[in-house]
Amino acid sequence: TDSGRFILYRDPSGKGDSSIVPMNSSERVYAQGKLTWHISPVMKLTANYIFDHTKSQPYNRQYFYNPDGNGDDYNFSSTVITQFSHSLGSSTFYTIGGSYYRKTFNHYLYKDPFDPRYVNPNLFIVNDPWSFNTGGTDMNHTNRWDETVLGKFDISSQVNEHNLIKGGAQFTHHKIFYDSYNLLPIPSETNIILATGNPFVSTYIPDPSSPNHDQYYHRPVEFSAYLQDKLEFKDLIVNIGVRYDYFNPDGVTLADPSDPNIYNPIKPS
């Protein structure tokens, strides 16, 4: 401001070109393929592959007059599914299956967190709480990916006319990674004279222990097994079975749920 008057830009070269641009754009590449191999009359192998890649920019009304300052989202996923089936006779068959899935998500304005085009966060100037940003760049960088490997085995056998026995097991291993931070200007460039100062800043990534940086990596594990017998009689069908499930989330819990804010705890201890 200058004597109480709001200034949209401090020089003509910084006011933009008034062009109309999309603010919720999306580009997607998708592919899927399947192969089936009949190894023999009693054996079959199938494989599926799915690929999905999307680049988008979620609409953010605050960037209405500053669309180039808003970051983009990048989603990528890849899935492989395989299954082998084998008949051991007219009454018994088994299947072995496996899958691999990986999905990544990234959000940033410039891929390099130290890109010289980032500007001082103080340039996020608004005339009032209901106005738009008149400057600034999206300082958030988010990298999230998860990976799942699954293997399973199932067998089914009609032992006799009264007993159909089924059994199997499944093992799943996950990897979950999340890293999100807001870039900050180096201490010597924190302040800026809005009317004359250089808007561009040198940035740094805050420490993961700070409120401006969230980071975690966990590897949950799942396992299950079952055994079932289907008894069929003339006027009665009975299913008897047992199942075992195991899950290790590899997570963390609050040391004190009654005082959860670790950055500003209430209790002196």
Protein backbone atom coordinates (compact mmCIF):
# COMPACT_ATOMS: atom_id res chain seq x y z
CA THR A 1 0.00 0.00 0.00
CA ASP A 2 1.01 3.63 -0.56
CA SER A 3 -0.72 6.20 1.65
CA GLY A 4 -3.60 3.79 2.16
CA ARG A 5 -4.04 3.09 -1.57
CA PHE A 6 -3.83 -0.55 -2.68
CA ILE A 7 -1.33 -1.18 -5.49
CA LEU A 8 -2.00 -4.15 -7.78
CA TYR A 9 1.56 -4.15 -9.16
CA ARG A 10 4.64 -2.07 -8.58
CA ASP A 11 5.77 -1.86 -12.20
CA PRO A 12 4.04 -2.56 -15.55
CA SER A 13 6.28 -5.56 -16.29
CA GLY A 14 4.95 -7.39 -13.25
CA LYS A 15 1.23 -7.14 -13.89
CA GLY A 16 0.95 -10.09 -16.29
CA ASP A 17 -0.44 -10.14 -19.81
CA SER A 18 -4.18 -10.41 -18.98
CA SER A 19 -4.42 -13.70 -20.92
CA ILE A 20 -7.10 -16.28 -20.16
CA VAL A 21 -5.63 -19.57 -18.94
CA PRO A 22 -7.15 -22.83 -17.61
CA MET A 23 -7.05 -23.21 -13.84
CA ASN A 24 -8.25 -26.81 -13.53
CA SER A 25 -6.38 -28.46 -16.40
CA SER A 26 -5.83 -32.21 -16.65
CA GLU A 27 -3.83 -34.46 -18.98
CA ARG A 28 -4.06 -38.25 -18.71
CA VAL A 29 -2.36 -41.24 -20.31
CA TYR A 30 -3.94 -44.64 -19.62
CA ALA A 31 -3.07 -48.09 -20.93
CA GLN A 32 -4.10 -51.65 -20.13
CA GLY A 33 -3.01 -54.99 -21.53
CA LYS A 34 -3.70 -58.67 -20.88
CA LEU A 35 -1.92 -61.86 -21.96
CA THR A 36 -3.18 -65.42 -21.58
CA TRP A 37 -1.02 -68.50 -22.13
CA HIS A 38 -2.62 -71.94 -22.24
CA ILE A 39 0.47 -73.90 -21.30
CA SER A 40 -1.38 -77.20 -21.56
CA PRO A 41 -4.98 -78.39 -21.32
CA VAL A 42 -4.69 -78.34 -17.54
CA MET A 43 -2.43 -75.30 -16.99
CA LYS A 44 -3.04 -71.62 -17.73
CA LEU A 45 -1.09 -68.45 -17.03
CA THR A 46 -2.55 -64.93 -17.25
CA ALA A 47 -0.90 -61.53 -16.82
CA ASN A 48 -2.43 -58.05 -16.68
CA TYR A 49 -0.73 -54.67 -16.76
CA ILE A 50 -2.35 -51.29 -16.04
CA PHE A 51 -0.63 -47.93 -16.46
CA ASP A 52 -2.07 -44.55 -15.49
CA HIS A 53 -0.37 -41.14 -15.53
CA THR A 54 -2.10 -37.82 -14.89
CA LYS A 55 -0.91 -34.23 -14.69
CA SER A 56 -3.44 -31.77 -13.32
CA GLN A 57 -3.81 -28.44 -11.60
CA PRO A 58 -6.54 -28.32 -8.96
CA TYR A 59 -8.56 -25.13 -9.04
CA ASN A 60 -7.59 -22.65 -6.36
CA ARG A 61 -9.63 -19.46 -6.32
CA GLN A 62 -6.94 -17.58 -4.41
CA TYR A 63 -4.73 -17.75 -7.53
CA PHE A 64 -7.39 -16.20 -9.80
CA TYR A 65 -5.10 -13.28 -10.70
CA ASN A 66 -1.89 -15.26 -10.22
CA PRO A 67 -2.45 -18.59 -12.03
CA ASP A 68 1.25 -19.13 -12.73
CA GLY A 69 1.93 -19.22 -8.99
CA ASN A 70 -0.21 -22.30 -8.39
CA GLY A 71 1.43 -25.75 -8.28
CA ASP A 72 0.56 -28.88 -10.26
CA ASP A 73 -0.34 -32.43 -9.22
CA TYR A 74 1.37 -35.46 -10.78
CA ASN A 75 -0.17 -38.91 -10.31
CA PHE A 76 1.40 -42.13 -11.58
CA SER A 77 0.28 -45.70 -10.98
CA SER A 78 1.41 -49.06 -12.30
CA THR A 79 -0.19 -52.45 -11.62
CA VAL A 80 0.88 -55.99 -12.55
CA ILE A 81 -1.43 -58.95 -11.82
CA THR A 82 -0.53 -62.57 -12.59
CA GLN A 83 -2.26 -65.89 -11.95
CA PHE A 84 -1.33 -69.51 -12.63
CA SER A 85 -4.00 -72.21 -12.48
CA HIS A 86 -3.45 -75.98 -12.60
CA SER A 87 -5.96 -78.81 -12.57
CA LEU A 88 -4.63 -81.93 -10.87
CA GLY A 89 -7.58 -83.98 -11.99
CA SER A 90 -11.33 -83.80 -12.38
CA SER A 91 -11.83 -82.98 -8.71
CA THR A 92 -8.79 -80.93 -7.62
CA PHE A 93 -7.24 -77.67 -8.82
CA TYR A 94 -5.13 -74.88 -7.38
CA THR A 95 -4.20 -71.30 -8.26
CA ILE A 96 -1.15 -69.23 -7.47
CA GLY A 97 -1.53 -65.49 -7.86
CA GLY A 98 0.55 -62.40 -7.35
CA SER A 99 0.32 -58.67 -7.88
CA TYR A 100 2.47 -55.59 -7.67
CA TYR A 101 1.04 -52.10 -7.32
CA ARG A 102 2.78 -48.75 -7.03
CA LYS A 103 1.29 -45.29 -6.98
CA THR A 104 3.11 -41.98 -6.65
CA PHE A 105 1.80 -38.47 -6.09
CA ASN A 106 3.82 -35.30 -6.39
CA HIS A 107 2.81 -31.68 -5.98
CA TYR A 108 5.04 -28.74 -6.75
CA LEU A 109 5.29 -25.54 -8.74
CA TYR A 110 8.91 -26.08 -9.75
CA LYS A 111 10.44 -29.54 -9.52
CA ASP A 112 13.69 -28.25 -8.01
CA PRO A 113 12.97 -26.95 -4.48
CA PHE A 114 15.89 -24.56 -4.90
CA ASP A 115 14.61 -23.11 -8.18
CA PRO A 116 15.56 -19.41 -8.39
CA ARG A 117 12.03 -18.46 -9.55
CA TYR A 118 10.50 -18.86 -6.09
CA VAL A 119 9.54 -15.53 -4.53
CA ASN A 120 9.29 -14.27 -0.97
CA PRO A 121 6.15 -15.58 0.82
CA ASN A 122 5.45 -12.00 1.93
CA LEU A 123 4.28 -11.34 -1.63
CA PHE A 124 1.07 -13.23 -0.87
CA ILE A 125 -0.63 -9.86 -0.46
CA VAL A 126 -4.41 -9.54 -0.21
CA ASN A 127 -6.35 -6.33 0.21
CA ASP A 128 -8.92 -7.99 2.46
CA PRO A 129 -9.78 -11.54 3.60
CA TRP A 130 -12.11 -12.02 0.60
CA SER A 131 -9.66 -10.86 -2.04
CA PHE A 132 -7.29 -12.83 -4.31
CA ASN A 133 -3.54 -13.30 -4.06
CA THR A 134 -1.78 -10.54 -5.94
CA GLY A 135 1.56 -12.35 -5.98
CA GLY A 136 3.52 -15.20 -4.48
CA THR A 137 4.38 -18.75 -5.50
CA ASP A 138 3.12 -22.06 -4.14
CA MET A 139 5.88 -23.11 -1.72
CA ASN A 140 4.58 -26.61 -1.00
CA HIS A 141 6.38 -29.74 -2.14
CA THR A 142 4.67 -33.10 -1.54
CA ASN A 143 5.98 -36.53 -2.46
CA ARG A 144 3.82 -39.50 -1.56
CA TRP A 145 4.10 -43.07 -2.77
CA ASP A 146 2.77 -46.44 -1.73
CA GLU A 147 3.74 -49.89 -2.91
CA THR A 148 1.99 -53.22 -2.41
CA VAL A 149 3.26 -56.74 -3.16
CA LEU A 150 0.73 -59.56 -2.81
CA GLY A 151 1.01 -63.33 -3.13
CA LYS A 152 -1.74 -65.89 -2.66
CA PHE A 153 -2.39 -69.61 -2.98
CA ASP A 154 -5.77 -71.38 -3.12
CA ILE A 155 -6.64 -75.05 -3.55
CA SER A 156 -9.99 -76.76 -3.92
CA SER A 157 -10.75 -80.49 -3.92
CA GLN A 158 -13.96 -82.45 -4.11
CA VAL A 159 -12.73 -85.27 -1.89
CA ASN A 160 -15.96 -87.25 -2.23
CA GLU A 161 -19.60 -86.59 -2.92
CA HIS A 162 -20.10 -85.17 0.58
CA ASN A 163 -16.91 -83.11 1.15
CA LEU A 164 -15.60 -80.11 -0.80
CA ILE A 165 -12.42 -78.92 0.90
CA LYS A 166 -10.88 -75.52 0.24
CA GLY A 167 -7.78 -73.91 1.66
CA GLY A 168 -5.39 -71.09 1.00
CA ALA A 169 -3.13 -68.35 2.24
CA GLN A 170 -2.35 -64.76 1.31
CA PHE A 171 0.58 -62.49 2.19
CA THR A 172 0.61 -58.73 1.56
CA HIS A 173 3.49 -56.33 2.13
CA HIS A 174 2.98 -52.56 1.92
CA LYS A 175 5.40 -49.66 1.80
CA ILE A 176 4.01 -46.20 2.55
CA PHE A 177 6.06 -43.02 2.20
CA TYR A 178 4.97 -39.43 2.73
CA ASP A 179 7.07 -36.27 2.61
CA SER A 180 5.50 -32.80 2.55
CA TYR A 181 7.08 -29.46 3.35
CA ASN A 182 6.69 -25.75 2.75
CA LEU A 183 9.82 -24.07 1.45
CA LEU A 184 11.15 -21.15 3.45
CA PRO A 185 13.47 -18.31 2.43
CA ILE A 186 16.95 -18.44 3.93
CA PRO A 187 17.18 -16.30 7.10
CA SER A 188 19.06 -13.47 5.39
CA GLU A 189 16.23 -13.10 2.85
CA THR A 190 13.23 -13.46 5.14
CA ASN A 191 12.28 -9.79 5.02
CA ILE A 192 11.61 -7.80 1.87
CA ILE A 193 10.88 -4.17 1.05
CA LEU A 194 7.76 -4.72 -1.00
CA ALA A 195 8.10 -1.57 -3.10
CA THR A 196 11.74 -1.96 -4.16
CA GLY A 197 13.17 -5.27 -2.90
CA ASN A 198 14.19 -8.23 -5.05
CA PRO A 199 11.18 -10.60 -4.92
CA PHE A 200 13.19 -13.78 -5.68
CA VAL A 201 14.62 -15.73 -2.76
CA SER A 202 16.97 -18.58 -2.03
CA THR A 203 14.97 -21.34 -0.35
CA TYR A 204 15.72 -24.13 2.07
CA ILE A 205 13.87 -27.25 3.18
CA PRO A 206 12.87 -27.11 6.86
CA ASP A 207 13.89 -29.93 9.17
CA PRO A 208 11.41 -32.86 9.39
CA SER A 209 10.99 -32.16 13.09
CA SER A 210 9.56 -28.69 12.40
CA PRO A 211 5.85 -27.84 11.88
CA ASN A 212 6.58 -26.99 8.23
CA HIS A 213 7.71 -30.52 7.34
CA ASP A 214 5.82 -33.82 7.69
CA GLN A 215 7.56 -37.08 6.88
CA TYR A 216 6.99 -40.76 7.57
CA TYR A 217 7.77 -44.20 6.17
CA HIS A 218 6.03 -47.38 7.28
CA ARG A 219 5.85 -50.99 6.08
CA PRO A 220 2.61 -52.69 7.14
CA VAL A 221 2.29 -56.46 6.72
CA GLU A 222 -0.83 -58.62 6.33
CA PHE A 223 -1.20 -62.39 6.37
CA SER A 224 -4.24 -64.66 6.29
CA ALA A 225 -4.91 -68.40 5.94
CA TYR A 226 -8.07 -70.45 5.86
CA LEU A 227 -9.35 -74.02 5.68
CA GLN A 228 -12.97 -74.91 4.91
CA ASP A 229 -15.03 -78.04 4.44
CA LYS A 230 -18.39 -77.92 2.71
CA LEU A 231 -20.47 -80.92 3.71
CA GLU A 232 -23.37 -81.69 1.40
CA PHE A 233 -26.13 -84.12 2.25
CA LYS A 234 -29.52 -84.78 0.76
CA ASP A 235 -31.39 -82.22 2.87
CA LEU A 236 -28.56 -80.36 4.59
CA ILE A 237 -25.48 -78.28 3.65
CA VAL A 238 -22.97 -77.39 6.38
CA ASN A 239 -19.91 -75.14 6.01
CA ILE A 240 -17.22 -75.65 8.62
CA GLY A 241 -13.98 -73.72 8.59
CA VAL A 242 -11.29 -71.80 10.37
CA ARG A 243 -9.47 -68.60 9.39
CA TYR A 244 -6.41 -66.83 10.76
CA ASP A 245 -5.62 -63.14 10.16
CA TYR A 246 -2.51 -61.20 11.10
CA PHE A 247 -1.92 -57.47 10.62
CA ASN A 248 1.05 -55.36 11.67
CA PRO A 249 0.46 -51.66 10.79
CA ASP A 250 4.03 -50.64 11.63
CA GLY A 251 2.59 -47.37 12.91
CA VAL A 252 3.08 -45.13 15.90
CA THR A 253 0.68 -44.02 18.60
CA LEU A 254 0.59 -40.92 20.76
CA ALA A 255 2.74 -41.13 23.86
CA ASP A 256 0.03 -39.19 25.73
CA PRO A 257 -3.38 -39.01 23.99
CA SER A 258 -4.56 -36.45 26.54
CA ASP A 259 -1.86 -34.00 25.34
CA PRO A 260 -1.51 -34.73 21.59
CA ASN A 261 0.08 -31.48 20.35
CA ILE A 262 3.79 -32.30 20.43
CA TYR A 263 4.77 -28.81 19.17
CA ASN A 264 2.81 -26.95 21.84
CA PRO A 265 2.15 -29.35 24.74
CA ILE A 266 -0.10 -28.33 27.60
CA LYS A 267 1.52 -30.40 30.32
CA PRO A 268 4.83 -29.09 31.70
CA SER A 269 6.36 -32.59 31.57
